[in-house]
């Protein structure tokens, strides 16, 4: 899961980023509305954590642009402006949730889990290929009832490939899903993650294969 964090308080942003990455999320952090708009147009995000009071305006003004780009993109507002009218304004503008600062990290993760469960209402809870089940709600890969022990980036690669199982996923798309703005990426970094992922899937008896499509990307499919 890739998150866009829009927050101008550097120390607070760093705390959130460390906590989110510890839970195996990929996090891109920006501290201006202008940067957030640009990121939203180019990045494949699964969630936005959005501060209201930013140096170049109210974060709520970004919500319509986010909705225009990706109508189903969950947005959680993070703000010290906790009066009733402020919260009503945030929700009326289209935010999915409104979290008042200061807040406990456990509460933030609970709110994230809540907005991520919403696609389940449409019947989209898990993806299957071979013996592998990917739980979209809990961001978990399971074989025969056992959760696979995957590193954060291996999990992101697998999630991206599973969502497009049977089709080739461009290398660029995988890199965007796996690496954040500030990550230093070598030319073979993605291949190394996929190599380790293949071994773990094989060892677990997942009955899926990840094929390299030379010069294009990768494809995941059930073992014939």
C-alpha atoms as a PDB file:
ATOM      1  CA  UNK A   1       0.000   0.000   0.000  1.00  0.00           C
ATOM      2  CA  UNK A   2       1.385   3.384  -1.013  1.00  0.00           C
ATOM      3  CA  UNK A   3       0.474   6.456   1.022  1.00  0.00           C
ATOM      4  CA  UNK A   4       0.831  10.137   0.193  1.00  0.00           C
ATOM      5  CA  UNK A   5       1.512  12.046   3.421  1.00  0.00           C
ATOM      6  CA  UNK A   6       0.870  15.791   3.146  1.00  0.00           C
ATOM      7  CA  UNK A   7       2.218  17.414   6.308  1.00  0.00           C
ATOM      8  CA  UNK A   8       4.403  20.494   6.852  1.00  0.00           C
ATOM      9  CA  UNK A   9       5.496  19.817  10.462  1.00  0.00           C
ATOM     10  CA  UNK A  10       8.722  17.972   9.774  1.00  0.00           C
ATOM     11  CA  UNK A  11       9.168  16.252  13.124  1.00  0.00           C
ATOM     12  CA  UNK A  12       5.561  15.079  13.176  1.00  0.00           C
ATOM     13  CA  UNK A  13       5.799  13.918   9.563  1.00  0.00           C
ATOM     14  CA  UNK A  14       8.966  11.956  10.331  1.00  0.00           C
ATOM     15  CA  UNK A  15       7.230  10.242  13.253  1.00  0.00           C
ATOM     16  CA  UNK A  16       4.293   9.253  11.075  1.00  0.00           C
ATOM     17  CA  UNK A  17       6.520   8.082   8.267  1.00  0.00           C
ATOM     18  CA  UNK A  18       8.614   5.828  10.510  1.00  0.00           C
ATOM     19  CA  UNK A  19       5.462   4.331  12.062  1.00  0.00           C
ATOM     20  CA  UNK A  20       3.846   3.723   8.675  1.00  0.00           C
ATOM     21  CA  UNK A  21       6.951   2.182   7.147  1.00  0.00           C
ATOM     22  CA  UNK A  22       7.277  -0.087  10.176  1.00  0.00           C
ATOM     23  CA  UNK A  23       3.857  -1.423   9.173  1.00  0.00           C
ATOM     24  CA  UNK A  24       5.214  -2.042   5.643  1.00  0.00           C
ATOM     25  CA  UNK A  25       3.556   0.904   3.903  1.00  0.00           C
ATOM     26  CA  UNK A  26       5.381   2.833   1.193  1.00  0.00           C
ATOM     27  CA  UNK A  27       5.238   6.528   2.106  1.00  0.00           C
ATOM     28  CA  UNK A  28       5.826   9.639   0.008  1.00  0.00           C
ATOM     29  CA  UNK A  29       5.979  12.840   2.051  1.00  0.00           C
ATOM     30  CA  UNK A  30       5.347  16.343   0.739  1.00  0.00           C
ATOM     31  CA  UNK A  31       4.824  19.546   2.714  1.00  0.00           C
ATOM     32  CA  UNK A  32       3.084  21.822   0.198  1.00  0.00           C
ATOM     33  CA  UNK A  33      -0.230  21.724  -1.662  1.00  0.00           C
ATOM     34  CA  UNK A  34       1.517  22.360  -4.966  1.00  0.00           C
ATOM     35  CA  UNK A  35       3.770  19.347  -4.431  1.00  0.00           C
ATOM     36  CA  UNK A  36       0.825  17.216  -3.342  1.00  0.00           C
ATOM     37  CA  UNK A  37      -1.126  18.041  -6.507  1.00  0.00           C
ATOM     38  CA  UNK A  38       1.827  17.070  -8.668  1.00  0.00           C
ATOM     39  CA  UNK A  39       2.385  13.849  -6.727  1.00  0.00           C
ATOM     40  CA  UNK A  40      -1.289  12.892  -6.925  1.00  0.00           C
ATOM     41  CA  UNK A  41      -1.219  13.187 -10.713  1.00  0.00           C
ATOM     42  CA  UNK A  42       1.829  10.959 -11.109  1.00  0.00           C
ATOM     43  CA  UNK A  43       1.767   8.474  -8.217  1.00  0.00           C
ATOM     44  CA  UNK A  44      -0.427   5.350  -7.861  1.00  0.00           C
ATOM     45  CA  UNK A  45      -1.594   6.027  -4.284  1.00  0.00           C
ATOM     46  CA  UNK A  46      -3.893   3.881  -2.157  1.00  0.00           C
ATOM     47  CA  UNK A  47      -4.466   6.466   0.592  1.00  0.00           C
ATOM     48  CA  UNK A  48      -3.801  10.143   1.366  1.00  0.00           C
ATOM     49  CA  UNK A  49      -3.108  11.508   4.850  1.00  0.00           C
ATOM     50  CA  UNK A  50      -3.756  15.228   4.529  1.00  0.00           C
ATOM     51  CA  UNK A  51      -2.963  18.071   6.901  1.00  0.00           C
ATOM     52  CA  UNK A  52      -5.247  21.104   6.651  1.00  0.00           C
ATOM     53  CA  UNK A  53      -2.975  23.959   7.675  1.00  0.00           C
ATOM     54  CA  UNK A  54      -0.246  24.080   5.044  1.00  0.00           C
ATOM     55  CA  UNK A  55       2.074  26.956   4.067  1.00  0.00           C
ATOM     56  CA  UNK A  56       0.332  27.470   0.731  1.00  0.00           C
ATOM     57  CA  UNK A  57      -3.299  26.920   1.727  1.00  0.00           C
ATOM     58  CA  UNK A  58      -5.954  24.724   3.276  1.00  0.00           C
ATOM     59  CA  UNK A  59      -5.389  21.022   2.602  1.00  0.00           C
ATOM     60  CA  UNK A  60      -9.124  20.596   2.015  1.00  0.00           C
ATOM     61  CA  UNK A  61      -8.737  22.444  -1.292  1.00  0.00           C
ATOM     62  CA  UNK A  62      -6.791  19.419  -2.545  1.00  0.00           C
ATOM     63  CA  UNK A  63      -9.624  16.936  -2.034  1.00  0.00           C
ATOM     64  CA  UNK A  64     -11.604  17.778  -5.222  1.00  0.00           C
ATOM     65  CA  UNK A  65      -8.430  17.383  -7.301  1.00  0.00           C
ATOM     66  CA  UNK A  66      -7.719  14.035  -5.672  1.00  0.00           C
ATOM     67  CA  UNK A  67     -11.267  12.902  -6.346  1.00  0.00           C
ATOM     68  CA  UNK A  68     -11.030  13.994  -9.990  1.00  0.00           C
ATOM     69  CA  UNK A  69      -7.847  11.963 -10.448  1.00  0.00           C
ATOM     70  CA  UNK A  70      -8.986   8.900  -8.499  1.00  0.00           C
ATOM     71  CA  UNK A  71     -12.628   8.958  -7.317  1.00  0.00           C
ATOM     72  CA  UNK A  72     -12.189   6.020  -4.954  1.00  0.00           C
ATOM     73  CA  UNK A  73      -8.985   7.247  -3.316  1.00  0.00           C
ATOM     74  CA  UNK A  74      -9.406   7.301   0.498  1.00  0.00           C
ATOM     75  CA  UNK A  75      -8.491  10.609   2.162  1.00  0.00           C
ATOM     76  CA  UNK A  76      -8.000  11.020   5.910  1.00  0.00           C
ATOM     77  CA  UNK A  77      -7.597  14.600   7.121  1.00  0.00           C
ATOM     78  CA  UNK A  78      -5.125  15.188   9.966  1.00  0.00           C
ATOM     79  CA  UNK A  79      -5.732  18.514  11.668  1.00  0.00           C
ATOM     80  CA  UNK A  80      -5.504  20.421  14.921  1.00  0.00           C
ATOM     81  CA  UNK A  81      -8.671  22.237  13.791  1.00  0.00           C
ATOM     82  CA  UNK A  82     -11.112  20.037  15.650  1.00  0.00           C
ATOM     83  CA  UNK A  83     -14.189  22.205  16.079  1.00  0.00           C
ATOM     84  CA  UNK A  84     -17.473  20.732  14.893  1.00  0.00           C
ATOM     85  CA  UNK A  85     -17.714  23.082  11.901  1.00  0.00           C
ATOM     86  CA  UNK A  86     -14.155  22.195  10.873  1.00  0.00           C
ATOM     87  CA  UNK A  87     -14.940  18.489  10.945  1.00  0.00           C
ATOM     88  CA  UNK A  88     -18.181  18.998   9.045  1.00  0.00           C
ATOM     89  CA  UNK A  89     -16.336  21.028   6.405  1.00  0.00           C
ATOM     90  CA  UNK A  90     -13.746  18.291   5.961  1.00  0.00           C
ATOM     91  CA  UNK A  91     -16.310  15.537   5.531  1.00  0.00           C
ATOM     92  CA  UNK A  92     -18.555  17.665   3.293  1.00  0.00           C
ATOM     93  CA  UNK A  93     -15.570  18.432   1.075  1.00  0.00           C
ATOM     94  CA  UNK A  94     -15.196  14.706   0.452  1.00  0.00           C
ATOM     95  CA  UNK A  95     -12.713  13.428   3.033  1.00  0.00           C
ATOM     96  CA  UNK A  96     -13.386   9.883   4.232  1.00  0.00           C
ATOM     97  CA  UNK A  97     -12.339  10.609   7.806  1.00  0.00           C
ATOM     98  CA  UNK A  98     -11.136  13.466   9.997  1.00  0.00           C
ATOM     99  CA  UNK A  99      -8.524  12.781  12.678  1.00  0.00           C
ATOM    100  CA  UNK A 100      -7.874  15.502  15.261  1.00  0.00           C
ATOM    101  CA  UNK A 101      -4.301  16.226  16.388  1.00  0.00           C
ATOM    102  CA  UNK A 102      -2.814  15.155  18.687  1.00  0.00           C
ATOM    103  CA  UNK A 103      -3.833  11.546  18.176  1.00  0.00           C
ATOM    104  CA  UNK A 104      -2.486   8.124  19.101  1.00  0.00           C
ATOM    105  CA  UNK A 105      -0.763   6.181  16.351  1.00  0.00           C
ATOM    106  CA  UNK A 106      -2.962   3.192  17.163  1.00  0.00           C
ATOM    107  CA  UNK A 107      -6.021   5.291  16.410  1.00  0.00           C
ATOM    108  CA  UNK A 108      -4.545   6.398  13.091  1.00  0.00           C
ATOM    109  CA  UNK A 109      -3.923   2.787  12.081  1.00  0.00           C
ATOM    110  CA  UNK A 110      -7.469   1.872  13.114  1.00  0.00           C
ATOM    111  CA  UNK A 111      -8.836   4.657  10.902  1.00  0.00           C
ATOM    112  CA  UNK A 112      -6.655   3.457   8.013  1.00  0.00           C
ATOM    113  CA  UNK A 113      -7.948  -0.093   8.431  1.00  0.00           C
ATOM    114  CA  UNK A 114     -11.502   1.215   8.462  1.00  0.00           C
ATOM    115  CA  UNK A 115     -11.238   3.099   5.162  1.00  0.00           C
ATOM    116  CA  UNK A 116      -9.403   0.165   3.587  1.00  0.00           C
ATOM    117  CA  UNK A 117     -12.282  -2.161   4.473  1.00  0.00           C
ATOM    118  CA  UNK A 118     -14.704  -0.161   2.391  1.00  0.00           C
ATOM    119  CA  UNK A 119     -13.922  -1.910  -0.926  1.00  0.00           C
ATOM    120  CA  UNK A 120     -15.059  -5.115   0.805  1.00  0.00           C
ATOM    121  CA  UNK A 121     -18.581  -3.689   0.645  1.00  0.00           C
ATOM    122  CA  UNK A 122     -18.278  -4.054  -3.118  1.00  0.00           C
ATOM    123  CA  UNK A 123     -17.211  -7.680  -2.718  1.00  0.00           C
ATOM    124  CA  UNK A 124     -13.509  -7.032  -3.339  1.00  0.00           C
ATOM    125  CA  UNK A 125     -11.843  -8.643  -0.335  1.00  0.00           C
ATOM    126  CA  UNK A 126      -9.237 -10.995  -1.733  1.00  0.00           C
ATOM    127  CA  UNK A 127      -7.463 -12.067  -4.899  1.00  0.00           C
ATOM    128  CA  UNK A 128      -6.610 -15.687  -5.687  1.00  0.00           C
ATOM    129  CA  UNK A 129      -4.062 -17.300  -7.967  1.00  0.00           C
ATOM    130  CA  UNK A 130      -3.027 -20.939  -7.625  1.00  0.00           C
ATOM    131  CA  UNK A 131      -2.901 -21.721  -3.904  1.00  0.00           C
ATOM    132  CA  UNK A 132      -2.113 -18.094  -3.068  1.00  0.00           C
ATOM    133  CA  UNK A 133      -4.683 -15.764  -1.531  1.00  0.00           C
ATOM    134  CA  UNK A 134      -3.974 -12.032  -1.191  1.00  0.00           C
ATOM    135  CA  UNK A 135      -6.111 -10.388   1.495  1.00  0.00           C
ATOM    136  CA  UNK A 136      -6.654  -6.796   0.365  1.00  0.00           C
ATOM    137  CA  UNK A 137      -8.154  -5.675   3.665  1.00  0.00           C
ATOM    138  CA  UNK A 138      -5.263  -6.860   5.834  1.00  0.00           C
ATOM    139  CA  UNK A 139      -2.561  -6.569   3.168  1.00  0.00           C
ATOM    140  CA  UNK A 140      -1.547 -10.175   3.717  1.00  0.00           C
ATOM    141  CA  UNK A 141      -0.489 -13.075   1.492  1.00  0.00           C
ATOM    142  CA  UNK A 142      -1.704 -16.493   2.618  1.00  0.00           C
ATOM    143  CA  UNK A 143      -1.085 -20.068   1.435  1.00  0.00           C
ATOM    144  CA  UNK A 144      -3.038 -22.945   3.010  1.00  0.00           C
ATOM    145  CA  UNK A 145      -4.099 -20.698   5.873  1.00  0.00           C
ATOM    146  CA  UNK A 146      -0.530 -19.634   6.691  1.00  0.00           C
ATOM    147  CA  UNK A 147       0.542 -16.001   6.318  1.00  0.00           C
ATOM    148  CA  UNK A 148       3.741 -15.579   4.315  1.00  0.00           C
ATOM    149  CA  UNK A 149       6.627 -13.755   5.975  1.00  0.00           C
ATOM    150  CA  UNK A 150       7.336 -11.113   3.336  1.00  0.00           C
ATOM    151  CA  UNK A 151       9.425  -7.966   3.575  1.00  0.00           C
ATOM    152  CA  UNK A 152       7.586  -4.701   2.960  1.00  0.00           C
ATOM    153  CA  UNK A 153       8.763  -4.297  -0.618  1.00  0.00           C
ATOM    154  CA  UNK A 154       8.196  -7.943  -1.464  1.00  0.00           C
ATOM    155  CA  UNK A 155       4.622  -7.514  -0.271  1.00  0.00           C
ATOM    156  CA  UNK A 156       4.168  -4.424  -2.455  1.00  0.00           C
ATOM    157  CA  UNK A 157       5.517  -6.259  -5.517  1.00  0.00           C
ATOM    158  CA  UNK A 158       3.209  -9.191  -4.876  1.00  0.00           C
ATOM    159  CA  UNK A 159       0.151  -6.988  -4.320  1.00  0.00           C
ATOM    160  CA  UNK A 160       0.752  -5.170  -7.609  1.00  0.00           C
ATOM    161  CA  UNK A 161       1.280  -8.384  -9.566  1.00  0.00           C
ATOM    162  CA  UNK A 162      -1.733 -10.098  -7.983  1.00  0.00           C
ATOM    163  CA  UNK A 163      -4.049  -7.207  -8.825  1.00  0.00           C
ATOM    164  CA  UNK A 164      -3.081  -7.692 -12.477  1.00  0.00           C
ATOM    165  CA  UNK A 165      -2.514 -11.442 -12.407  1.00  0.00           C
ATOM    166  CA  UNK A 166      -2.308 -12.974 -15.853  1.00  0.00           C
ATOM    167  CA  UNK A 167      -1.217  -9.663 -17.381  1.00  0.00           C
ATOM    168  CA  UNK A 168       2.184  -8.060 -17.798  1.00  0.00           C
ATOM    169  CA  UNK A 169       2.921  -5.269 -15.334  1.00  0.00           C
ATOM    170  CA  UNK A 170       5.357  -2.653 -16.557  1.00  0.00           C
ATOM    171  CA  UNK A 171       8.617  -2.403 -14.678  1.00  0.00           C
ATOM    172  CA  UNK A 172       7.962   1.311 -14.126  1.00  0.00           C
ATOM    173  CA  UNK A 173       4.581   0.549 -12.544  1.00  0.00           C
ATOM    174  CA  UNK A 174       6.174  -1.915 -10.140  1.00  0.00           C
ATOM    175  CA  UNK A 175       8.866   0.542  -9.158  1.00  0.00           C
ATOM    176  CA  UNK A 176       6.267   3.242  -8.512  1.00  0.00           C
ATOM    177  CA  UNK A 177       4.319   0.870  -6.281  1.00  0.00           C
ATOM    178  CA  UNK A 178       7.357  -0.278  -4.323  1.00  0.00           C
ATOM    179  CA  UNK A 179       9.682   2.699  -3.933  1.00  0.00           C
ATOM    180  CA  UNK A 180       9.054   6.109  -2.411  1.00  0.00           C
ATOM    181  CA  UNK A 181      10.346   9.503  -3.540  1.00  0.00           C
ATOM    182  CA  UNK A 182      13.407   9.355  -1.321  1.00  0.00           C
ATOM    183  CA  UNK A 183      14.429   5.759  -1.944  1.00  0.00           C
ATOM    184  CA  UNK A 184      17.725   5.187  -3.717  1.00  0.00           C
ATOM    185  CA  UNK A 185      16.997   2.603  -6.385  1.00  0.00           C
ATOM    186  CA  UNK A 186      19.719   0.708  -8.211  1.00  0.00           C
ATOM    187  CA  UNK A 187      19.049  -0.805 -11.634  1.00  0.00           C
ATOM    188  CA  UNK A 188      18.754  -4.336 -10.234  1.00  0.00           C
ATOM    189  CA  UNK A 189      16.968  -3.566  -6.954  1.00  0.00           C
ATOM    190  CA  UNK A 190      13.524  -4.558  -8.204  1.00  0.00           C
ATOM    191  CA  UNK A 191      14.893  -7.780  -9.696  1.00  0.00           C
ATOM    192  CA  UNK A 192      16.453  -8.703  -6.344  1.00  0.00           C
ATOM    193  CA  UNK A 193      13.122  -8.257  -4.556  1.00  0.00           C
ATOM    194  CA  UNK A 194      11.347 -10.372  -7.154  1.00  0.00           C
ATOM    195  CA  UNK A 195      14.004 -13.097  -6.935  1.00  0.00           C
ATOM    196  CA  UNK A 196      13.524 -13.373  -3.159  1.00  0.00           C
ATOM    197  CA  UNK A 197       9.743 -13.279  -3.579  1.00  0.00           C
ATOM    198  CA  UNK A 198       9.863 -16.140  -6.093  1.00  0.00           C
ATOM    199  CA  UNK A 199      11.805 -18.311  -3.654  1.00  0.00           C
ATOM    200  CA  UNK A 200       9.381 -17.646  -0.815  1.00  0.00           C
ATOM    201  CA  UNK A 201       6.354 -18.400  -3.008  1.00  0.00           C
ATOM    202  CA  UNK A 202       7.932 -21.629  -4.210  1.00  0.00           C
ATOM    203  CA  UNK A 203       8.906 -22.716  -0.699  1.00  0.00           C
ATOM    204  CA  UNK A 204       5.355 -22.031   0.512  1.00  0.00           C
ATOM    205  CA  UNK A 205       3.782 -24.093  -2.291  1.00  0.00           C
ATOM    206  CA  UNK A 206       1.869 -21.095  -3.668  1.00  0.00           C
ATOM    207  CA  UNK A 207       1.507 -22.687  -7.145  1.00  0.00           C
ATOM    208  CA  UNK A 208       2.175 -19.392  -8.917  1.00  0.00           C
ATOM    209  CA  UNK A 209       4.968 -18.248 -11.210  1.00  0.00           C
ATOM    210  CA  UNK A 210       6.446 -14.802 -11.785  1.00  0.00           C
ATOM    211  CA  UNK A 211       7.741 -14.479 -15.341  1.00  0.00           C
ATOM    212  CA  UNK A 212      10.069 -11.773 -16.588  1.00  0.00           C
ATOM    213  CA  UNK A 213       8.931 -10.192 -19.850  1.00  0.00           C
ATOM    214  CA  UNK A 214      12.229  -9.022 -21.280  1.00  0.00           C
ATOM    215  CA  UNK A 215      12.466  -5.258 -21.600  1.00  0.00           C
ATOM    216  CA  UNK A 216       8.879  -4.757 -20.399  1.00  0.00           C
ATOM    217  CA  UNK A 217       8.131  -6.012 -16.900  1.00  0.00           C
ATOM    218  CA  UNK A 218       6.789  -9.023 -15.024  1.00  0.00           C
ATOM    219  CA  UNK A 219       3.749 -11.301 -15.125  1.00  0.00           C
ATOM    220  CA  UNK A 220       2.265 -13.463 -12.353  1.00  0.00           C
ATOM    221  CA  UNK A 221       0.081 -16.455 -13.134  1.00  0.00           C
ATOM    222  CA  UNK A 222      -0.962 -19.755 -11.616  1.00  0.00           C
ATOM    223  CA  UNK A 223       1.316 -22.681 -12.297  1.00  0.00           C
ATOM    224  CA  UNK A 224      -0.119 -24.764 -15.162  1.00  0.00           C
END
